[in-house]
Amino acid sequence: MKDETPEIQSLAPTSAPVPADYPPKLVDSPLLTDEELAVSREHTLRNWDGKSDLWLFGYGSLIWNPGLPTVEAVRSKVHGYHRGLYLWSRVNRGTPEQPGLVLALDRGGSCTGIAFRLDGEGAQEHLEVLWRREMAMASYRPAWLPCTLADGRRVAALAFVMRRDATSYTGKLADPVVRTVLGCASGRYGTTFDYVSRTVVALRESGMPDRALEALLKRCQSQE
């Protein structure tokens, strides 16, 4: 069967007018201190014995850049949450003047991703790094989600879920805003367009394409 997924190309600058609601008016969010990160981590891991293996659910950049050693990576799905561009990024994929977008899990639906199994022995230092990466601005809420693996196993996987009360929560954005962000936003780790494109490709290559995200990218690549 012919692959009908869209070809991803570099996004050319567009001459379309910038939407009136971009850039958004965002309130500064202070970074969590090391002590606050430790409290969050310890609370989330309070039922872990410090030795048993842990599962981590990746739905965005963790799929193609987990950033920590894993002993198993399996296609998986969680229910009750879906993936979307719901988080403004003012550092990693954008700037305060031109915020970018990154993916988050929001309530409703389901989401495919990669479940990574971490070796419990020595995992603590890697979890500290993970917390600094995902929880620096407390836009996410760490949660243990019921996760079904492709081989039928069911595990509780750690995931970072969008907090709707966070100042960086976007809600559902109109296509013109997304198109503008894809065409201009760039931060410490590169452009929003590259981030979304890499995630789309990684999901497709893993055999679980996100059709909604691909359709959004295709629409917002259009210069019409």
N, C-alpha and C. Protein backbone atom coordinates (compact mmCIF):
# COMPACT_ATOMS: atom_id res chain seq x y z
N MET A 1 0.85 -1.20 0.00
CA MET A 1 0.00 0.00 0.00
C MET A 1 0.88 1.25 0.00
N LYS A 2 0.53 2.21 -0.78
CA LYS A 2 1.30 3.44 -0.88
C LYS A 2 1.19 4.25 0.40
N ASP A 3 2.34 4.75 0.87
CA ASP A 3 2.36 5.60 2.05
C ASP A 3 1.83 6.98 1.68
N GLU A 4 0.72 7.35 2.30
CA GLU A 4 0.08 8.62 1.97
C GLU A 4 0.42 9.72 2.97
N THR A 5 1.40 9.48 3.83
CA THR A 5 1.77 10.52 4.78
C THR A 5 2.48 11.66 4.06
N PRO A 6 2.33 12.89 4.53
CA PRO A 6 2.86 14.04 3.83
C PRO A 6 4.38 14.09 3.88
N GLU A 7 4.98 14.59 2.83
CA GLU A 7 6.41 14.82 2.82
C GLU A 7 6.71 16.07 3.63
N ILE A 8 7.74 15.96 4.48
CA ILE A 8 8.09 17.08 5.34
C ILE A 8 9.25 17.83 4.71
N GLN A 9 9.05 19.10 4.49
CA GLN A 9 10.08 19.94 3.91
C GLN A 9 10.32 21.15 4.80
N SER A 10 11.43 21.81 4.57
CA SER A 10 11.71 23.03 5.32
C SER A 10 10.60 24.04 5.06
N LEU A 11 10.22 24.75 6.10
CA LEU A 11 9.13 25.72 5.98
C LEU A 11 9.69 27.06 5.53
N ALA A 12 9.25 27.50 4.38
CA ALA A 12 9.71 28.79 3.86
C ALA A 12 9.02 29.92 4.59
N PRO A 13 9.68 31.06 4.73
CA PRO A 13 9.03 32.21 5.36
C PRO A 13 7.75 32.58 4.61
N THR A 14 6.75 32.99 5.36
CA THR A 14 5.50 33.35 4.74
C THR A 14 5.26 34.85 4.86
N SER A 15 4.59 35.40 3.87
CA SER A 15 4.28 36.83 3.90
C SER A 15 2.90 37.09 4.51
N ALA A 16 2.27 36.04 5.03
CA ALA A 16 0.95 36.20 5.63
C ALA A 16 1.05 37.10 6.86
N PRO A 17 0.03 37.90 7.13
CA PRO A 17 0.07 38.78 8.29
C PRO A 17 0.14 38.00 9.59
N VAL A 18 0.84 38.55 10.56
CA VAL A 18 0.95 37.91 11.87
C VAL A 18 -0.39 38.03 12.59
N PRO A 19 -0.92 36.92 13.13
CA PRO A 19 -2.21 36.99 13.83
C PRO A 19 -2.15 37.97 14.99
N ALA A 20 -3.29 38.57 15.28
CA ALA A 20 -3.34 39.58 16.33
C ALA A 20 -3.03 39.00 17.71
N ASP A 21 -3.28 37.67 17.90
CA ASP A 21 -3.04 37.06 19.20
C ASP A 21 -1.67 36.39 19.30
N TYR A 22 -0.75 36.78 18.42
CA TYR A 22 0.62 36.31 18.52
C TYR A 22 1.56 37.50 18.36
N PRO A 23 2.57 37.63 19.23
CA PRO A 23 2.90 36.72 20.33
C PRO A 23 1.91 36.86 21.49
N PRO A 24 1.75 35.80 22.27
CA PRO A 24 0.82 35.86 23.40
C PRO A 24 1.41 36.70 24.53
N LYS A 25 0.54 37.21 25.37
CA LYS A 25 0.98 37.94 26.56
C LYS A 25 1.15 36.93 27.69
N LEU A 26 2.39 36.60 27.99
CA LEU A 26 2.69 35.57 28.97
C LEU A 26 3.27 36.18 30.24
N VAL A 27 2.89 35.60 31.35
CA VAL A 27 3.44 36.01 32.64
C VAL A 27 4.71 35.22 32.90
N ASP A 28 5.74 35.88 33.38
CA ASP A 28 6.99 35.18 33.67
C ASP A 28 6.76 34.08 34.70
N SER A 29 7.36 32.93 34.43
CA SER A 29 7.26 31.79 35.34
C SER A 29 8.65 31.50 35.89
N PRO A 30 8.85 31.65 37.18
CA PRO A 30 10.18 31.39 37.75
C PRO A 30 10.54 29.91 37.66
N LEU A 31 11.82 29.66 37.49
CA LEU A 31 12.30 28.29 37.46
C LEU A 31 12.20 27.69 38.85
N LEU A 32 11.89 26.39 38.92
CA LEU A 32 11.88 25.72 40.21
C LEU A 32 13.30 25.61 40.74
N THR A 33 13.44 25.74 42.03
CA THR A 33 14.74 25.58 42.66
C THR A 33 15.09 24.09 42.73
N ASP A 34 16.35 23.80 43.03
CA ASP A 34 16.76 22.41 43.20
C ASP A 34 15.95 21.75 44.30
N GLU A 35 15.66 22.49 45.35
CA GLU A 35 14.88 21.94 46.46
C GLU A 35 13.45 21.62 46.03
N GLU A 36 12.86 22.51 45.24
CA GLU A 36 11.49 22.27 44.77
C GLU A 36 11.44 21.09 43.81
N LEU A 37 12.45 20.97 42.96
CA LEU A 37 12.51 19.82 42.06
C LEU A 37 12.64 18.53 42.86
N ALA A 38 13.45 18.56 43.89
CA ALA A 38 13.65 17.37 44.72
C ALA A 38 12.35 16.96 45.41
N VAL A 39 11.61 17.94 45.91
CA VAL A 39 10.34 17.65 46.57
C VAL A 39 9.37 17.00 45.59
N SER A 40 9.27 17.57 44.38
CA SER A 40 8.39 17.01 43.35
C SER A 40 8.79 15.58 42.99
N ARG A 41 10.07 15.38 42.82
CA ARG A 41 10.57 14.06 42.43
C ARG A 41 10.32 13.04 43.54
N GLU A 42 10.61 13.41 44.76
CA GLU A 42 10.45 12.49 45.87
C GLU A 42 8.98 12.15 46.10
N HIS A 43 8.10 13.14 45.90
CA HIS A 43 6.67 12.87 46.06
C HIS A 43 6.18 11.90 44.98
N THR A 44 6.63 12.12 43.73
CA THR A 44 6.21 11.25 42.63
C THR A 44 6.72 9.83 42.82
N LEU A 45 7.91 9.69 43.36
CA LEU A 45 8.56 8.38 43.50
C LEU A 45 8.40 7.78 44.89
N ARG A 46 7.45 8.31 45.67
CA ARG A 46 7.33 7.90 47.07
C ARG A 46 7.04 6.42 47.24
N ASN A 47 6.42 5.78 46.24
CA ASN A 47 6.10 4.35 46.35
C ASN A 47 7.12 3.46 45.65
N TRP A 48 8.21 4.04 45.17
CA TRP A 48 9.26 3.28 44.50
C TRP A 48 10.31 2.87 45.52
N ASP A 49 10.75 1.61 45.43
CA ASP A 49 11.71 1.10 46.41
C ASP A 49 13.15 1.48 46.11
N GLY A 50 13.38 2.19 45.01
CA GLY A 50 14.73 2.61 44.68
C GLY A 50 15.55 1.56 43.97
N LYS A 51 14.96 0.39 43.72
CA LYS A 51 15.69 -0.71 43.08
C LYS A 51 14.95 -1.28 41.87
N SER A 52 13.65 -1.33 41.95
CA SER A 52 12.86 -1.93 40.87
C SER A 52 12.95 -1.07 39.61
N ASP A 53 12.80 -1.71 38.44
CA ASP A 53 12.80 -0.99 37.18
C ASP A 53 11.59 -0.06 37.10
N LEU A 54 11.75 1.03 36.35
CA LEU A 54 10.69 2.02 36.16
C LEU A 54 10.38 2.14 34.68
N TRP A 55 9.12 2.49 34.37
CA TRP A 55 8.71 2.76 32.99
C TRP A 55 8.47 4.25 32.81
N LEU A 56 8.89 4.77 31.67
CA LEU A 56 8.71 6.18 31.31
C LEU A 56 8.01 6.24 29.96
N PHE A 57 6.92 7.03 29.87
CA PHE A 57 6.17 7.16 28.62
C PHE A 57 6.63 8.39 27.86
N GLY A 58 7.16 8.17 26.65
CA GLY A 58 7.60 9.26 25.80
C GLY A 58 6.61 9.53 24.69
N TYR A 59 6.18 10.78 24.53
CA TYR A 59 5.19 11.11 23.50
C TYR A 59 5.65 12.22 22.58
N GLY A 60 6.79 12.86 22.91
CA GLY A 60 7.32 13.96 22.11
C GLY A 60 8.80 13.75 21.86
N SER A 61 9.61 14.70 22.30
CA SER A 61 11.05 14.61 22.04
C SER A 61 11.70 13.44 22.76
N LEU A 62 11.08 12.94 23.82
CA LEU A 62 11.65 11.77 24.49
C LEU A 62 11.72 10.57 23.55
N ILE A 63 10.84 10.53 22.55
CA ILE A 63 10.85 9.40 21.61
C ILE A 63 12.16 9.36 20.84
N TRP A 64 12.62 10.51 20.36
CA TRP A 64 13.84 10.53 19.55
C TRP A 64 15.06 11.04 20.31
N ASN A 65 14.86 11.46 21.54
CA ASN A 65 15.98 11.91 22.36
C ASN A 65 15.68 11.66 23.83
N PRO A 66 15.67 10.39 24.25
CA PRO A 66 15.32 10.10 25.65
C PRO A 66 16.30 10.71 26.64
N GLY A 67 17.57 10.81 26.27
CA GLY A 67 18.53 11.49 27.12
C GLY A 67 18.94 10.73 28.37
N LEU A 68 18.58 9.46 28.46
CA LEU A 68 18.97 8.64 29.60
C LEU A 68 19.01 7.18 29.17
N PRO A 69 19.83 6.36 29.81
CA PRO A 69 19.96 4.96 29.39
C PRO A 69 18.69 4.16 29.67
N THR A 70 18.29 3.33 28.73
CA THR A 70 17.12 2.49 28.90
C THR A 70 17.47 1.05 28.53
N VAL A 71 16.75 0.11 29.11
CA VAL A 71 17.02 -1.30 28.83
C VAL A 71 15.96 -1.91 27.91
N GLU A 72 14.90 -1.15 27.65
CA GLU A 72 13.83 -1.63 26.77
C GLU A 72 13.04 -0.44 26.26
N ALA A 73 12.65 -0.48 25.00
CA ALA A 73 11.81 0.56 24.41
C ALA A 73 10.72 -0.13 23.61
N VAL A 74 9.46 0.14 23.94
CA VAL A 74 8.33 -0.59 23.38
C VAL A 74 7.24 0.38 22.93
N ARG A 75 6.66 0.14 21.78
CA ARG A 75 5.49 0.93 21.37
C ARG A 75 4.39 0.73 22.40
N SER A 76 3.63 1.79 22.66
CA SER A 76 2.65 1.72 23.73
C SER A 76 1.55 2.74 23.52
N LYS A 77 0.55 2.68 24.39
CA LYS A 77 -0.57 3.62 24.31
C LYS A 77 -1.09 3.89 25.71
N VAL A 78 -1.47 5.15 25.94
CA VAL A 78 -2.17 5.52 27.16
C VAL A 78 -3.54 6.07 26.77
N HIS A 79 -4.52 5.87 27.63
CA HIS A 79 -5.87 6.38 27.40
C HIS A 79 -6.16 7.50 28.41
N GLY A 80 -7.03 8.42 27.98
CA GLY A 80 -7.40 9.52 28.84
C GLY A 80 -6.64 10.80 28.56
N TYR A 81 -5.61 10.71 27.70
CA TYR A 81 -4.82 11.88 27.33
C TYR A 81 -4.48 11.82 25.85
N HIS A 82 -4.31 12.98 25.25
CA HIS A 82 -3.90 13.04 23.85
C HIS A 82 -2.76 14.03 23.70
N ARG A 83 -2.02 13.90 22.60
CA ARG A 83 -0.85 14.73 22.32
C ARG A 83 -1.27 15.97 21.52
N GLY A 84 -0.69 17.12 21.85
CA GLY A 84 -0.97 18.32 21.08
C GLY A 84 0.03 19.41 21.39
N LEU A 85 0.08 20.43 20.55
CA LEU A 85 0.96 21.57 20.76
C LEU A 85 0.28 22.53 21.73
N TYR A 86 0.42 22.25 23.02
CA TYR A 86 -0.31 22.98 24.04
C TYR A 86 0.58 23.78 24.98
N LEU A 87 1.88 23.83 24.71
CA LEU A 87 2.77 24.49 25.65
C LEU A 87 3.65 25.51 24.94
N TRP A 88 3.57 26.77 25.38
CA TRP A 88 4.46 27.80 24.85
C TRP A 88 5.88 27.54 25.34
N SER A 89 6.84 27.73 24.45
CA SER A 89 8.25 27.55 24.79
C SER A 89 8.99 28.86 24.56
N ARG A 90 9.51 29.43 25.65
CA ARG A 90 10.20 30.72 25.56
C ARG A 90 11.72 30.60 25.67
N VAL A 91 12.20 29.35 25.75
CA VAL A 91 13.64 29.13 25.85
C VAL A 91 14.10 28.07 24.85
N ASN A 92 13.57 26.86 24.97
CA ASN A 92 14.09 25.75 24.17
C ASN A 92 13.74 25.84 22.69
N ARG A 93 12.51 26.25 22.36
CA ARG A 93 12.07 26.30 20.96
C ARG A 93 11.51 27.66 20.57
N GLY A 94 11.82 28.66 21.36
CA GLY A 94 11.36 30.01 21.06
C GLY A 94 12.03 30.99 21.99
N THR A 95 11.56 32.20 21.98
CA THR A 95 12.09 33.26 22.85
C THR A 95 10.91 33.99 23.48
N PRO A 96 11.16 34.81 24.49
CA PRO A 96 10.05 35.59 25.07
C PRO A 96 9.35 36.47 24.03
N GLU A 97 10.11 36.96 23.04
CA GLU A 97 9.53 37.83 22.01
C GLU A 97 8.78 37.04 20.96
N GLN A 98 9.25 35.83 20.65
CA GLN A 98 8.60 34.96 19.66
C GLN A 98 8.53 33.54 20.25
N PRO A 99 7.57 33.29 21.13
CA PRO A 99 7.47 31.97 21.77
C PRO A 99 7.24 30.86 20.75
N GLY A 100 7.88 29.74 21.00
CA GLY A 100 7.64 28.55 20.19
C GLY A 100 6.60 27.66 20.84
N LEU A 101 6.43 26.48 20.29
CA LEU A 101 5.47 25.52 20.82
C LEU A 101 6.13 24.16 20.99
N VAL A 102 5.72 23.44 22.03
CA VAL A 102 6.14 22.06 22.22
C VAL A 102 4.92 21.24 22.60
N LEU A 103 5.08 19.94 22.49
CA LEU A 103 3.97 19.02 22.72
C LEU A 103 3.72 18.78 24.21
N ALA A 104 2.47 18.48 24.51
CA ALA A 104 2.09 18.13 25.87
C ALA A 104 0.93 17.14 25.81
N LEU A 105 0.72 16.43 26.90
CA LEU A 105 -0.44 15.56 27.04
C LEU A 105 -1.55 16.35 27.71
N ASP A 106 -2.71 16.43 27.06
CA ASP A 106 -3.86 17.10 27.64
C ASP A 106 -4.98 16.10 27.79
N ARG A 107 -5.95 16.43 28.58
CA ARG A 107 -7.02 15.49 28.92
C ARG A 107 -7.85 15.09 27.71
N GLY A 108 -8.28 13.81 27.69
CA GLY A 108 -9.18 13.32 26.67
C GLY A 108 -8.49 12.51 25.60
N GLY A 109 -9.19 11.49 25.08
CA GLY A 109 -8.67 10.71 23.97
C GLY A 109 -7.62 9.70 24.39
N SER A 110 -6.68 9.43 23.50
CA SER A 110 -5.61 8.47 23.77
C SER A 110 -4.36 8.94 23.03
N CYS A 111 -3.24 8.32 23.38
CA CYS A 111 -1.97 8.75 22.80
C CYS A 111 -1.03 7.56 22.67
N THR A 112 -0.45 7.39 21.50
CA THR A 112 0.59 6.40 21.30
C THR A 112 1.95 7.02 21.57
N GLY A 113 2.89 6.18 21.95
CA GLY A 113 4.23 6.66 22.22
C GLY A 113 5.17 5.50 22.46
N ILE A 114 6.32 5.80 23.00
CA ILE A 114 7.30 4.77 23.33
C ILE A 114 7.43 4.69 24.84
N ALA A 115 7.27 3.49 25.38
CA ALA A 115 7.49 3.25 26.80
C ALA A 115 8.92 2.75 26.98
N PHE A 116 9.68 3.44 27.80
CA PHE A 116 11.07 3.08 28.07
C PHE A 116 11.17 2.46 29.46
N ARG A 117 11.86 1.34 29.53
CA ARG A 117 12.11 0.72 30.84
C ARG A 117 13.50 1.13 31.31
N LEU A 118 13.53 1.70 32.52
CA LEU A 118 14.78 2.15 33.12
C LEU A 118 15.24 1.14 34.15
N ASP A 119 16.50 0.84 34.16
CA ASP A 119 17.08 -0.03 35.17
C ASP A 119 17.01 0.67 36.52
N GLY A 120 16.33 0.06 37.47
CA GLY A 120 16.16 0.68 38.77
C GLY A 120 17.47 0.96 39.48
N GLU A 121 18.45 0.09 39.29
CA GLU A 121 19.75 0.29 39.90
C GLU A 121 20.46 1.46 39.23
N GLY A 122 20.72 2.48 39.97
CA GLY A 122 21.40 3.65 39.42
C GLY A 122 20.49 4.62 38.70
N ALA A 123 19.17 4.43 38.79
CA ALA A 123 18.25 5.29 38.06
C ALA A 123 18.11 6.68 38.69
N GLN A 124 18.40 6.79 39.96
CA GLN A 124 18.13 8.04 40.67
C GLN A 124 18.80 9.24 40.01
N GLU A 125 20.08 9.12 39.66
CA GLU A 125 20.77 10.27 39.07
C GLU A 125 20.17 10.64 37.72
N HIS A 126 19.71 9.64 36.96
CA HIS A 126 19.11 9.93 35.66
C HIS A 126 17.73 10.58 35.83
N LEU A 127 17.01 10.20 36.88
CA LEU A 127 15.72 10.82 37.15
C LEU A 127 15.90 12.28 37.56
N GLU A 128 16.96 12.57 38.24
CA GLU A 128 17.24 13.96 38.60
C GLU A 128 17.43 14.81 37.34
N VAL A 129 18.17 14.26 36.37
CA VAL A 129 18.37 14.96 35.10
C VAL A 129 17.04 15.12 34.36
N LEU A 130 16.23 14.06 34.37
CA LEU A 130 14.93 14.10 33.71
C LEU A 130 14.05 15.18 34.32
N TRP A 131 14.07 15.32 35.63
CA TRP A 131 13.24 16.34 36.30
C TRP A 131 13.68 17.75 35.91
N ARG A 132 14.98 17.94 35.79
CA ARG A 132 15.45 19.26 35.38
C ARG A 132 15.02 19.57 33.95
N ARG A 133 14.96 18.55 33.13
CA ARG A 133 14.56 18.73 31.73
C ARG A 133 13.07 19.01 31.59
N GLU A 134 12.25 18.25 32.29
CA GLU A 134 10.80 18.31 32.08
C GLU A 134 10.07 19.23 33.06
N MET A 135 10.64 19.46 34.22
CA MET A 135 9.89 20.14 35.28
C MET A 135 10.48 21.49 35.67
N ALA A 136 11.39 22.01 34.87
CA ALA A 136 12.09 23.24 35.24
C ALA A 136 11.13 24.38 35.57
N MET A 137 10.04 24.51 34.80
CA MET A 137 9.10 25.62 35.00
C MET A 137 7.75 25.15 35.53
N ALA A 138 7.67 23.88 35.93
CA ALA A 138 6.45 23.33 36.53
C ALA A 138 5.23 23.47 35.63
N SER A 139 5.43 23.43 34.32
CA SER A 139 4.30 23.48 33.39
C SER A 139 3.62 22.12 33.29
N TYR A 140 4.37 21.08 33.65
CA TYR A 140 3.83 19.72 33.61
C TYR A 140 3.54 19.23 35.03
N ARG A 141 2.73 18.18 35.08
CA ARG A 141 2.47 17.47 36.32
C ARG A 141 2.92 16.02 36.14
N PRO A 142 3.88 15.54 36.93
CA PRO A 142 4.28 14.14 36.80
C PRO A 142 3.16 13.22 37.27
N ALA A 143 2.90 12.17 36.51
CA ALA A 143 1.79 11.26 36.84
C ALA A 143 2.14 9.85 36.39
N TRP A 144 1.60 8.89 37.09
CA TRP A 144 1.75 7.48 36.70
C TRP A 144 0.49 7.08 35.92
N LEU A 145 0.65 6.80 34.64
CA LEU A 145 -0.49 6.50 33.78
C LEU A 145 -0.53 5.02 33.43
N PRO A 146 -1.73 4.43 33.41
CA PRO A 146 -1.86 3.05 32.92
C PRO A 146 -1.46 3.01 31.45
N CYS A 147 -0.53 2.15 31.13
CA CYS A 147 0.06 2.12 29.80
C CYS A 147 0.03 0.70 29.27
N THR A 148 -0.51 0.52 28.07
CA THR A 148 -0.56 -0.79 27.43
C THR A 148 0.54 -0.90 26.39
N LEU A 149 1.42 -1.88 26.56
CA LEU A 149 2.52 -2.08 25.63
C LEU A 149 2.05 -2.86 24.41
N ALA A 150 2.80 -2.76 23.33
CA ALA A 150 2.40 -3.40 22.07
C ALA A 150 2.28 -4.91 22.20
N ASP A 151 3.02 -5.51 23.14
CA ASP A 151 2.96 -6.96 23.31
C ASP A 151 1.90 -7.39 24.31
N GLY A 152 1.08 -6.43 24.76
CA GLY A 152 -0.03 -6.75 25.65
C GLY A 152 0.23 -6.51 27.12
N ARG A 153 1.47 -6.31 27.50
CA ARG A 153 1.75 -6.02 28.90
C ARG A 153 1.14 -4.69 29.32
N ARG A 154 0.75 -4.62 30.56
CA ARG A 154 0.22 -3.37 31.10
C ARG A 154 1.09 -2.93 32.27
N VAL A 155 1.54 -1.69 32.20
CA VAL A 155 2.44 -1.16 33.21
C VAL A 155 1.97 0.23 33.62
N ALA A 156 2.46 0.67 34.76
CA ALA A 156 2.27 2.07 35.16
C ALA A 156 3.51 2.83 34.71
N ALA A 157 3.32 3.81 33.84
CA ALA A 157 4.45 4.54 33.26
C ALA A 157 4.43 5.99 33.72
N LEU A 158 5.59 6.49 34.05
CA LEU A 158 5.73 7.89 34.42
C LEU A 158 5.58 8.77 33.17
N ALA A 159 4.73 9.77 33.26
CA ALA A 159 4.55 10.71 32.15
C ALA A 159 4.44 12.12 32.71
N PHE A 160 4.68 13.10 31.85
CA PHE A 160 4.57 14.49 32.27
C PHE A 160 3.39 15.11 31.54
N VAL A 161 2.36 15.42 32.31
CA VAL A 161 1.05 15.83 31.81
C VAL A 161 0.91 17.35 31.92
N MET A 162 0.25 17.95 30.93
CA MET A 162 0.05 19.40 30.92
C MET A 162 -0.78 19.87 32.10
N ARG A 163 -0.34 20.92 32.74
CA ARG A 163 -1.14 21.60 33.76
C ARG A 163 -1.91 22.73 33.10
N ARG A 164 -3.21 22.63 33.12
CA ARG A 164 -4.01 23.67 32.46
C ARG A 164 -3.97 25.00 33.20
N ASP A 165 -3.55 24.97 34.46
CA ASP A 165 -3.44 26.24 35.20
C ASP A 165 -2.08 26.90 35.00
N ALA A 166 -1.19 26.28 34.23
CA ALA A 166 0.11 26.88 33.96
C ALA A 166 -0.05 28.08 33.02
N THR A 167 0.73 29.11 33.24
CA THR A 167 0.61 30.31 32.41
C THR A 167 1.04 30.04 30.97
N SER A 168 1.80 28.97 30.75
CA SER A 168 2.28 28.66 29.41
C SER A 168 1.35 27.72 28.64
N TYR A 169 0.21 27.35 29.23
CA TYR A 169 -0.76 26.50 28.55
C TYR A 169 -1.44 27.29 27.43
N THR A 170 -1.47 26.73 26.24
CA THR A 170 -2.00 27.47 25.09
C THR A 170 -3.49 27.29 24.87
N GLY A 171 -4.04 26.15 25.30
CA GLY A 171 -5.36 25.78 24.81
C GLY A 171 -5.27 25.44 23.34
N LYS A 172 -6.40 25.31 22.68
CA LYS A 172 -6.40 24.98 21.25
C LYS A 172 -6.11 26.23 20.44
N LEU A 173 -5.08 26.15 19.60
CA LEU A 173 -4.67 27.30 18.80
C LEU A 173 -5.21 27.21 17.37
N ALA A 174 -5.49 28.35 16.80
CA ALA A 174 -5.92 28.41 15.40
C ALA A 174 -4.72 28.16 14.48
N ASP A 175 -5.00 27.62 13.30
CA ASP A 175 -3.94 27.31 12.35
C ASP A 175 -3.04 28.51 12.02
N PRO A 176 -3.59 29.73 11.83
CA PRO A 176 -2.70 30.86 11.52
C PRO A 176 -1.64 31.11 12.59
N VAL A 177 -1.98 30.88 13.85
CA VAL A 177 -1.00 31.05 14.92
C VAL A 177 0.08 29.98 14.81
N VAL A 178 -0.35 28.73 14.62
CA VAL A 178 0.62 27.63 14.50
C VAL A 178 1.53 27.87 13.30
N ARG A 179 0.94 28.31 12.19
CA ARG A 179 1.73 28.57 10.98
C ARG A 179 2.78 29.65 11.24
N THR A 180 2.40 30.69 11.95
CA THR A 180 3.34 31.76 12.27
C THR A 180 4.47 31.24 13.15
N VAL A 181 4.13 30.46 14.16
CA VAL A 181 5.14 29.90 15.06
C VAL A 181 6.11 29.01 14.30
N LEU A 182 5.57 28.13 13.45
CA LEU A 182 6.43 27.22 12.69
C LEU A 182 7.37 27.99 11.77
N GLY A 183 6.95 29.16 11.33
CA GLY A 183 7.76 29.93 10.41
C GLY A 183 8.80 30.83 11.05
N CYS A 184 8.67 31.07 12.38
CA CYS A 184 9.58 32.07 12.97
C CYS A 184 10.23 31.66 14.28
N ALA A 185 9.62 30.77 15.05
CA ALA A 185 10.10 30.55 16.41
C ALA A 185 11.32 29.63 16.45
N SER A 186 12.33 30.09 17.18
CA SER A 186 13.56 29.32 17.34
C SER A 186 14.15 29.63 18.71
N GLY A 187 14.69 28.60 19.37
CA GLY A 187 15.25 28.80 20.70
C GLY A 187 16.56 28.08 20.89
N ARG A 188 16.88 27.79 22.13
CA ARG A 188 18.18 27.21 22.49
C ARG A 188 18.46 25.89 21.77
N TYR A 189 17.40 25.07 21.57
CA TYR A 189 17.60 23.76 20.95
C TYR A 189 17.13 23.71 19.50
N GLY A 190 16.83 24.86 18.91
CA GLY A 190 16.42 24.88 17.52
C GLY A 190 15.00 25.38 17.34
N THR A 191 14.45 25.14 16.15
CA THR A 191 13.15 25.69 15.81
C THR A 191 12.00 24.81 16.25
N THR A 192 10.85 25.43 16.40
CA THR A 192 9.64 24.66 16.65
C THR A 192 9.35 23.73 15.47
N PHE A 193 9.57 24.22 14.26
CA PHE A 193 9.32 23.39 13.07
C PHE A 193 10.15 22.11 13.10
N ASP A 194 11.43 22.23 13.44
CA ASP A 194 12.29 21.05 13.51
C ASP A 194 11.80 20.09 14.58
N TYR A 195 11.40 20.62 15.72
CA TYR A 195 10.90 19.80 16.83
C TYR A 195 9.66 19.00 16.41
N VAL A 196 8.71 19.67 15.78
CA VAL A 196 7.48 18.99 15.35
C VAL A 196 7.79 17.99 14.25
N SER A 197 8.62 18.37 13.29
CA SER A 197 8.95 17.49 12.17
C SER A 197 9.65 16.22 12.65
N ARG A 198 10.59 16.37 13.57
CA ARG A 198 11.31 15.21 14.07
C ARG A 198 10.38 14.27 14.82
N THR A 199 9.42 14.83 15.54
CA THR A 199 8.48 13.98 16.26
C THR A 199 7.57 13.24 15.29
N VAL A 200 7.08 13.93 14.26
CA VAL A 200 6.24 13.30 13.25
C VAL A 200 7.00 12.15 12.58
N VAL A 201 8.25 12.37 12.20
CA VAL A 201 9.05 11.34 11.54
C VAL A 201 9.31 10.17 12.49
N ALA A 202 9.64 10.45 13.74
CA ALA A 202 9.92 9.39 14.71
C ALA A 202 8.69 8.52 14.95
N LEU A 203 7.53 9.15 15.04
CA LEU A 203 6.30 8.37 15.23
C LEU A 203 6.00 7.53 14.01
N ARG A 204 6.17 8.09 12.83
CA ARG A 204 5.93 7.37 11.59
C ARG A 204 6.87 6.17 11.47
N GLU A 205 8.16 6.39 11.75
CA GLU A 205 9.15 5.32 11.64
C GLU A 205 8.95 4.24 12.70
N SER A 206 8.29 4.59 13.79
CA SER A 206 7.99 3.61 14.83
C SER A 206 6.72 2.83 14.54
N GLY A 207 6.06 3.16 13.42
CA GLY A 207 4.85 2.44 13.03
C GLY A 207 3.59 2.90 13.72
N MET A 208 3.60 4.10 14.25
CA MET A 208 2.40 4.63 14.93
C MET A 208 2.23 6.10 14.60
N PRO A 209 2.04 6.43 13.33
CA PRO A 209 1.93 7.84 12.93
C PRO A 209 0.77 8.55 13.61
N ASP A 210 1.01 9.80 13.95
CA ASP A 210 -0.02 10.65 14.54
C ASP A 210 -0.65 11.43 13.39
N ARG A 211 -1.79 10.95 12.90
CA ARG A 211 -2.41 11.56 11.72
C ARG A 211 -2.85 12.99 11.98
N ALA A 212 -3.32 13.26 13.20
CA ALA A 212 -3.77 14.63 13.50
C ALA A 212 -2.60 15.60 13.48
N LEU A 213 -1.47 15.19 14.05
CA LEU A 213 -0.30 16.07 14.06
C LEU A 213 0.25 16.25 12.65
N GLU A 214 0.25 15.17 11.87
CA GLU A 214 0.71 15.26 10.49
C GLU A 214 -0.18 16.19 9.67
N ALA A 215 -1.48 16.09 9.88
CA ALA A 215 -2.41 16.94 9.14
C ALA A 215 -2.20 18.40 9.51
N LEU A 216 -1.98 18.67 10.80
CA LEU A 216 -1.72 20.04 11.24
C LEU A 216 -0.46 20.57 10.60
N LEU A 217 0.59 19.76 10.60
CA LEU A 217 1.85 20.20 10.00
C LEU A 217 1.68 20.45 8.51
N LYS A 218 0.95 19.59 7.84
CA LYS A 218 0.72 19.77 6.41
C LYS A 218 -0.05 21.05 6.13
N ARG A 219 -1.12 21.30 6.90
CA ARG A 219 -1.90 22.52 6.69
C ARG A 219 -1.07 23.77 6.94
N CYS A 220 -0.23 23.71 7.96
CA CYS A 220 0.52 24.90 8.35
C CYS A 220 1.82 25.06 7.58
N GLN A 221 2.15 24.08 6.72
CA GLN A 221 3.25 24.27 5.78
C GLN A 221 2.77 25.01 4.54
N SER A 222 1.46 24.96 4.32
CA SER A 222 0.90 25.60 3.14
C SER A 222 1.11 27.10 3.19
N GLN A 223 1.49 27.67 2.07
CA GLN A 223 1.68 29.11 1.99
C GLN A 223 0.45 29.84 1.49
N GLU A 224 -0.61 29.10 1.31
CA GLU A 224 -1.84 29.71 0.79
C GLU A 224 -2.59 30.45 1.88
